[in-house]
Amino acid sequence: MFALSCIGSSRTRFSALPTALFTALLTVATTLVVSPAAAQDDVPVDIPADGPDEEQFTEAHTTPSVNVEPAPIRPYAAPDEPHVVITGGGWGHGVGMSQYGAYGRAEAGQNYRQILQAYYTGIDITATDFGGDIEVHLIKTGAVTFRPEGPIALKGGQTTIAEAENGDTVRIARADGAYVIRVNDKSVCGGDQQPVCPKNQMGVQARGNGRVPVGVAETGNRYQYGRFRLRAATGGNIDLSVASMSVEEYLYGLGEMPASWPLDALQAQALAGRTFAVRLIQSRRGNWSHPWDLWS
């Protein structure tokens, strides 16, 4: 470490500075590192014991400059055969069909069989006779709120407990081991001159043979295929499912692709979804503890 000095051949004089500021300047200056070559011609500064000179400070030296050469700019040289390698796929397992990939293949002219065989290698596409309806679990909840867009019936077995119309609100909960059913906030069972409230299972369905869209507040969705089935669950809750629905009706709920996409992409998606559902149902039936086939 070198002593504080001024660079140059002329004497440097300091103007009157507050003692604290002057001391601070000295402290900062002593942190500078001066090369030995530059220090050889330094002229020490004489500082009186009673503080700096009162005369006006003039600086009569020059500060040496350092010339730094900028780093040369080297343009990026692209490889002769540029390529990007991507490994993996799907949700990490690499098995499955990319919706956008199916879209691109359909746009390029591939049919649904070619699309499926590109993603599921070594497969055979055959027809399967899957008879019977399926049941899909929707939600386990403390109460269910239905908002029908047409006439519906509330059933306890084969008995009609009550009916509701378009715009009505039906709320079903459980208390004391039975259902509590209210239509537009009015109780419809369990009272004088009213049907007995169901205890374990009940249904909600369109009246007649038609289909009626029904909103369910607890799921945020509308349903128009099959019939609602409610089962008593633990903790005073209700297991809500859609029963009496075909596999094809179940597939209408697939939302992975917009309906405006190419037909072959939609066919590939429907076939993949149908295969998944049928295989899962077949593997569970006979070895499944729940009364429904699928979870939504």
Protein backbone atom coordinates (compact mmCIF):
# COMPACT_ATOMS: atom_id res chain seq x y z
CA MET A 1 0.00 0.00 0.00
CA PHE A 2 1.32 3.46 -0.95
CA ALA A 3 0.95 6.72 0.94
CA LEU A 4 -1.65 9.18 -0.27
CA SER A 5 -0.10 11.38 -2.93
CA CYS A 6 -1.01 13.63 -5.80
CA ILE A 7 0.11 12.64 -9.26
CA GLY A 8 2.14 15.25 -11.12
CA SER A 9 5.08 17.57 -10.73
CA SER A 10 3.32 20.66 -9.34
CA ARG A 11 2.51 21.25 -5.70
CA THR A 12 -1.16 20.80 -4.85
CA ARG A 13 -2.85 23.06 -2.34
CA PHE A 14 -6.16 22.46 -0.51
CA SER A 15 -8.83 25.01 0.25
CA ALA A 16 -10.43 25.21 3.64
CA LEU A 17 -12.58 22.13 4.19
CA PRO A 18 -14.48 21.02 7.26
CA THR A 19 -12.26 18.70 9.27
CA ALA A 20 -14.80 15.82 9.12
CA LEU A 21 -15.15 16.08 5.32
CA PHE A 22 -11.42 16.32 4.83
CA THR A 23 -10.88 13.24 6.99
CA ALA A 24 -13.52 11.38 4.94
CA LEU A 25 -11.77 12.32 1.71
CA LEU A 26 -8.51 11.00 3.09
CA THR A 27 -10.20 7.78 4.13
CA VAL A 28 -11.65 7.25 0.65
CA ALA A 29 -8.39 8.18 -1.03
CA THR A 30 -6.40 5.67 0.95
CA THR A 31 -8.43 2.88 -0.57
CA LEU A 32 -7.09 3.61 -4.04
CA VAL A 33 -4.44 1.26 -5.36
CA VAL A 34 -1.65 2.95 -7.28
CA SER A 35 0.77 1.02 -9.40
CA PRO A 36 4.46 1.21 -8.39
CA ALA A 37 5.38 2.76 -11.74
CA ALA A 38 3.00 5.63 -11.25
CA ALA A 39 4.06 6.14 -7.63
CA GLN A 40 7.71 6.81 -8.43
CA ASP A 41 7.12 10.45 -9.48
CA ASP A 42 4.51 11.19 -6.82
CA VAL A 43 4.93 14.36 -4.76
CA PRO A 44 3.79 13.97 -1.14
CA VAL A 45 1.22 16.43 0.12
CA ASP A 46 2.25 18.49 3.14
CA ILE A 47 -0.69 18.76 5.51
CA PRO A 48 -0.20 21.13 8.48
CA ALA A 49 -0.89 19.70 11.90
CA ASP A 50 -3.61 22.32 12.48
CA GLY A 51 -5.56 21.36 9.34
CA PRO A 52 -5.52 22.27 5.63
CA ASP A 53 -4.43 25.63 4.23
CA GLU A 54 -7.13 28.30 4.04
CA GLU A 55 -6.12 29.39 0.52
CA GLN A 56 -8.15 28.49 -2.53
CA PHE A 57 -7.34 24.98 -3.78
CA THR A 58 -6.15 24.72 -7.36
CA GLU A 59 -5.31 21.48 -9.04
CA ALA A 60 -2.25 21.68 -11.25
CA HIS A 61 -1.78 18.08 -12.12
CA THR A 62 -3.26 15.76 -14.67
CA THR A 63 -4.76 12.35 -13.98
CA PRO A 64 -3.35 9.57 -16.14
CA SER A 65 -5.84 7.83 -18.41
CA VAL A 66 -6.07 4.17 -19.26
CA ASN A 67 -6.76 3.04 -22.82
CA VAL A 68 -8.79 -0.17 -22.93
CA GLU A 69 -9.20 -2.02 -26.19
CA PRO A 70 -12.82 -3.20 -26.72
CA ALA A 71 -13.31 -6.92 -27.03
CA PRO A 72 -13.62 -7.98 -30.65
CA ILE A 73 -17.12 -8.87 -31.86
CA ARG A 74 -17.23 -12.41 -33.10
CA PRO A 75 -20.38 -13.23 -35.09
CA TYR A 76 -22.11 -16.53 -34.19
CA ALA A 77 -21.31 -19.23 -36.66
CA ALA A 78 -24.36 -21.42 -37.29
CA PRO A 79 -23.69 -25.15 -37.58
CA ASP A 80 -23.79 -26.67 -41.03
CA GLU A 81 -26.91 -28.72 -40.16
CA PRO A 82 -28.80 -26.89 -37.41
CA HIS A 83 -31.28 -29.01 -35.46
CA VAL A 84 -33.02 -29.20 -32.10
CA VAL A 85 -33.55 -32.50 -30.30
CA ILE A 86 -36.58 -32.73 -28.00
CA THR A 87 -37.06 -35.79 -25.82
CA GLY A 88 -40.09 -36.76 -23.75
CA GLY A 89 -43.73 -35.98 -24.32
CA GLY A 90 -47.22 -36.02 -22.90
CA TRP A 91 -47.26 -35.52 -19.16
CA GLY A 92 -43.83 -37.05 -18.85
CA HIS A 93 -44.76 -40.59 -19.80
CA GLY A 94 -44.57 -39.96 -23.54
CA VAL A 95 -47.73 -41.97 -24.17
CA GLY A 96 -50.75 -40.35 -25.71
CA MET A 97 -51.88 -38.14 -28.54
CA SER A 98 -51.04 -34.48 -28.88
CA GLN A 99 -54.17 -32.51 -29.73
CA TYR A 100 -52.23 -29.91 -31.68
CA GLY A 101 -50.22 -32.66 -33.30
CA ALA A 102 -53.43 -34.36 -34.43
CA TYR A 103 -54.64 -31.01 -35.75
CA GLY A 104 -51.46 -30.52 -37.77
CA ARG A 105 -51.56 -34.04 -39.18
CA ALA A 106 -55.20 -33.67 -40.19
CA GLU A 107 -54.40 -30.35 -41.87
CA ALA A 108 -51.59 -32.12 -43.74
CA GLY A 109 -54.08 -34.67 -45.11
CA GLN A 110 -53.72 -37.63 -42.74
CA ASN A 111 -56.89 -39.53 -41.81
CA TYR A 112 -57.82 -40.47 -38.25
CA ARG A 113 -56.28 -43.94 -38.55
CA GLN A 114 -52.94 -42.54 -39.67
CA ILE A 115 -53.04 -39.99 -36.84
CA LEU A 116 -53.71 -42.64 -34.20
CA GLN A 117 -51.09 -45.03 -35.55
CA ALA A 118 -48.52 -42.23 -35.44
CA TYR A 119 -49.05 -41.75 -31.70
CA TYR A 120 -49.96 -45.28 -30.64
CA THR A 121 -47.50 -47.43 -32.54
CA GLY A 122 -48.22 -51.09 -33.20
CA ILE A 123 -51.97 -50.85 -32.61
CA ASP A 124 -54.92 -52.39 -34.40
CA ILE A 125 -58.08 -50.33 -34.79
CA THR A 126 -61.09 -52.62 -34.47
CA ALA A 127 -64.74 -52.34 -33.47
CA THR A 128 -65.79 -53.39 -29.96
CA ASP A 129 -69.31 -54.31 -28.95
CA PHE A 130 -69.77 -52.57 -25.62
CA GLY A 131 -73.35 -52.95 -24.49
CA GLY A 132 -75.09 -51.34 -21.57
CA ASP A 133 -75.08 -47.93 -19.98
CA ILE A 134 -72.44 -46.41 -17.75
CA GLU A 135 -72.46 -44.25 -14.65
CA VAL A 136 -70.06 -41.35 -14.04
CA HIS A 137 -69.43 -39.85 -10.60
CA LEU A 138 -69.56 -36.05 -10.54
CA ILE A 139 -69.02 -34.80 -6.99
CA LYS A 140 -69.24 -35.59 -3.29
CA THR A 141 -70.87 -32.65 -1.54
CA GLY A 142 -73.00 -31.65 1.40
CA ALA A 143 -75.85 -30.39 -0.80
CA VAL A 144 -76.77 -30.31 -4.48
CA THR A 145 -78.44 -27.39 -6.23
CA PHE A 146 -80.19 -28.13 -9.54
CA ARG A 147 -81.34 -25.44 -11.97
CA PRO A 148 -83.41 -27.12 -14.71
CA GLU A 149 -84.05 -25.58 -18.11
CA GLY A 150 -87.21 -27.63 -18.57
CA PRO A 151 -89.54 -29.99 -16.68
CA ILE A 152 -87.86 -32.50 -14.35
CA ALA A 153 -89.03 -35.05 -11.78
CA LEU A 154 -87.54 -35.83 -8.38
CA LYS A 155 -87.81 -39.57 -7.79
CA GLY A 156 -87.59 -41.83 -4.79
CA GLY A 157 -87.42 -45.23 -6.45
CA GLN A 158 -90.44 -45.34 -8.76
CA THR A 159 -92.29 -42.68 -6.76
CA THR A 160 -92.30 -39.09 -7.93
CA ILE A 161 -91.58 -36.93 -4.89
CA ALA A 162 -91.94 -33.56 -6.63
CA GLU A 163 -91.61 -31.83 -9.97
CA ALA A 164 -89.80 -28.69 -11.06
CA GLU A 165 -89.95 -26.45 -14.10
CA ASN A 166 -87.66 -24.23 -16.14
CA GLY A 167 -86.20 -21.54 -13.90
CA ASP A 168 -86.90 -23.32 -10.61
CA THR A 169 -84.21 -23.99 -8.02
CA VAL A 170 -84.06 -27.44 -6.44
CA ARG A 171 -81.84 -27.92 -3.40
CA ILE A 172 -81.24 -31.35 -1.91
CA ALA A 173 -79.32 -31.99 1.32
CA ARG A 174 -79.34 -34.60 4.08
CA ALA A 175 -80.43 -34.47 7.72
CA ASP A 176 -81.34 -37.13 10.28
CA GLY A 177 -80.65 -39.98 7.87
CA ALA A 178 -82.91 -38.76 5.05
CA TYR A 179 -82.96 -36.28 2.18
CA VAL A 180 -84.21 -32.74 2.68
CA ILE A 181 -85.70 -31.57 -0.62
CA ARG A 182 -86.73 -27.99 -1.31
CA VAL A 183 -88.09 -26.50 -4.54
CA ASN A 184 -87.86 -22.71 -4.67
CA ASP A 185 -87.09 -22.83 -0.93
CA LYS A 186 -90.25 -24.80 -0.08
CA SER A 187 -90.09 -28.27 1.45
CA VAL A 188 -91.71 -30.94 -0.74
CA CYS A 189 -91.41 -34.08 1.41
CA GLY A 190 -91.57 -35.24 4.98
CA GLY A 191 -94.40 -32.98 6.12
CA ASP A 192 -98.11 -33.50 6.53
CA GLN A 193 -99.81 -34.58 3.31
CA GLN A 194 -96.37 -34.90 1.64
CA PRO A 195 -94.48 -37.94 0.34
CA VAL A 196 -91.91 -39.56 2.59
CA CYS A 197 -88.40 -38.25 1.96
CA PRO A 198 -86.04 -40.87 0.47
CA LYS A 199 -83.36 -42.16 2.82
CA ASN A 200 -80.43 -43.61 0.88
CA GLN A 201 -80.87 -43.11 -2.85
CA MET A 202 -82.94 -40.89 -5.11
CA GLY A 203 -82.94 -39.61 -8.67
CA VAL A 204 -83.48 -36.47 -10.72
CA GLN A 205 -84.46 -36.82 -14.37
CA ALA A 206 -86.30 -35.19 -17.24
CA ARG A 207 -90.02 -35.78 -17.33
CA GLY A 208 -91.09 -37.97 -20.21
CA ASN A 209 -88.61 -39.28 -22.73
CA GLY A 210 -86.96 -36.02 -23.73
CA ARG A 211 -83.68 -34.45 -22.66
CA VAL A 212 -83.57 -31.38 -20.44
CA PRO A 213 -80.36 -29.45 -19.73
CA VAL A 214 -79.88 -29.12 -15.98
CA GLY A 215 -77.27 -26.96 -14.31
CA VAL A 216 -75.55 -28.11 -11.14
CA ALA A 217 -74.24 -25.21 -9.08
CA GLU A 218 -71.68 -27.30 -7.19
CA THR A 219 -69.89 -28.45 -10.35
CA GLY A 220 -70.48 -25.34 -12.44
CA ASN A 221 -71.63 -27.45 -15.41
CA ARG A 222 -74.80 -28.32 -17.33
CA TYR A 223 -75.87 -31.87 -18.15
CA GLN A 224 -78.51 -33.21 -20.54
CA TYR A 225 -77.74 -36.92 -21.00
CA GLY A 226 -78.63 -39.69 -18.59
CA ARG A 227 -80.23 -39.28 -15.16
CA PHE A 228 -78.87 -37.88 -11.94
CA ARG A 229 -78.43 -40.34 -9.13
CA LEU A 230 -77.89 -39.28 -5.52
CA ARG A 231 -76.54 -41.65 -2.88
CA ALA A 232 -76.08 -41.13 0.84
CA ALA A 233 -72.37 -40.75 1.66
CA THR A 234 -70.34 -40.56 4.85
CA GLY A 235 -70.39 -37.42 6.95
CA GLY A 236 -73.90 -36.43 5.88
CA ASN A 237 -72.71 -35.88 2.31
CA ILE A 238 -74.15 -36.87 -1.06
CA ASP A 239 -72.44 -38.72 -3.92
CA LEU A 240 -73.83 -37.26 -7.14
CA SER A 241 -73.46 -39.15 -10.41
CA VAL A 242 -74.95 -39.35 -13.89
CA ALA A 243 -76.36 -42.81 -14.69
CA SER A 244 -78.23 -44.44 -17.60
CA MET A 245 -75.83 -42.90 -20.09
CA SER A 246 -74.25 -44.58 -23.09
CA VAL A 247 -70.53 -44.44 -23.83
CA GLU A 248 -71.26 -42.31 -26.89
CA GLU A 249 -73.23 -39.81 -24.78
CA TYR A 250 -70.34 -39.73 -22.34
CA LEU A 251 -67.98 -38.87 -25.19
CA TYR A 252 -70.07 -35.81 -26.05
CA GLY A 253 -68.53 -34.23 -22.98
CA LEU A 254 -64.96 -34.43 -24.27
CA GLY A 255 -63.58 -30.91 -24.47
CA GLU A 256 -59.99 -31.45 -25.62
CA MET A 257 -60.62 -30.10 -29.13
CA PRO A 258 -62.80 -27.32 -30.55
CA ALA A 259 -65.61 -28.60 -32.77
CA SER A 260 -64.27 -26.40 -35.60
CA TRP A 261 -61.08 -28.48 -35.96
CA PRO A 262 -60.64 -30.90 -38.90
CA LEU A 263 -62.96 -33.91 -38.82
CA ASP A 264 -60.15 -36.49 -38.82
CA ALA A 265 -58.58 -34.86 -35.76
CA LEU A 266 -61.96 -34.98 -33.99
CA GLN A 267 -62.46 -38.62 -34.98
CA ALA A 268 -59.03 -39.52 -33.65
CA GLN A 269 -59.79 -37.79 -30.35
CA ALA A 270 -63.18 -39.50 -30.02
CA LEU A 271 -61.69 -42.92 -30.72
CA ALA A 272 -58.89 -42.38 -28.19
CA GLY A 273 -61.39 -41.23 -25.56
CA ARG A 274 -63.75 -44.13 -26.24
CA THR A 275 -60.90 -46.63 -25.99
CA PHE A 276 -59.77 -45.19 -22.66
CA ALA A 277 -63.28 -45.26 -21.18
CA VAL A 278 -64.18 -48.76 -22.38
CA ARG A 279 -60.90 -50.30 -21.29
CA LEU A 280 -61.14 -48.69 -17.86
CA ILE A 281 -64.74 -49.79 -17.37
CA GLN A 282 -64.04 -53.35 -18.47
CA SER A 283 -61.06 -53.62 -16.13
CA ARG A 284 -63.09 -52.37 -13.16
CA ARG A 285 -66.34 -54.23 -13.50
CA GLY A 286 -66.29 -57.22 -11.21
CA ASN A 287 -63.31 -55.79 -9.31
CA TRP A 288 -64.49 -52.36 -8.28
CA SER A 289 -65.84 -51.19 -4.94
CA HIS A 290 -67.83 -48.21 -6.22
CA PRO A 291 -71.30 -48.33 -7.79
CA TRP A 292 -70.24 -46.04 -10.65
CA ASP A 293 -67.89 -46.81 -13.54
CA LEU A 294 -65.90 -43.60 -13.96
CA TRP A 295 -64.93 -40.42 -12.17
CA SER A 296 -65.57 -37.21 -14.06
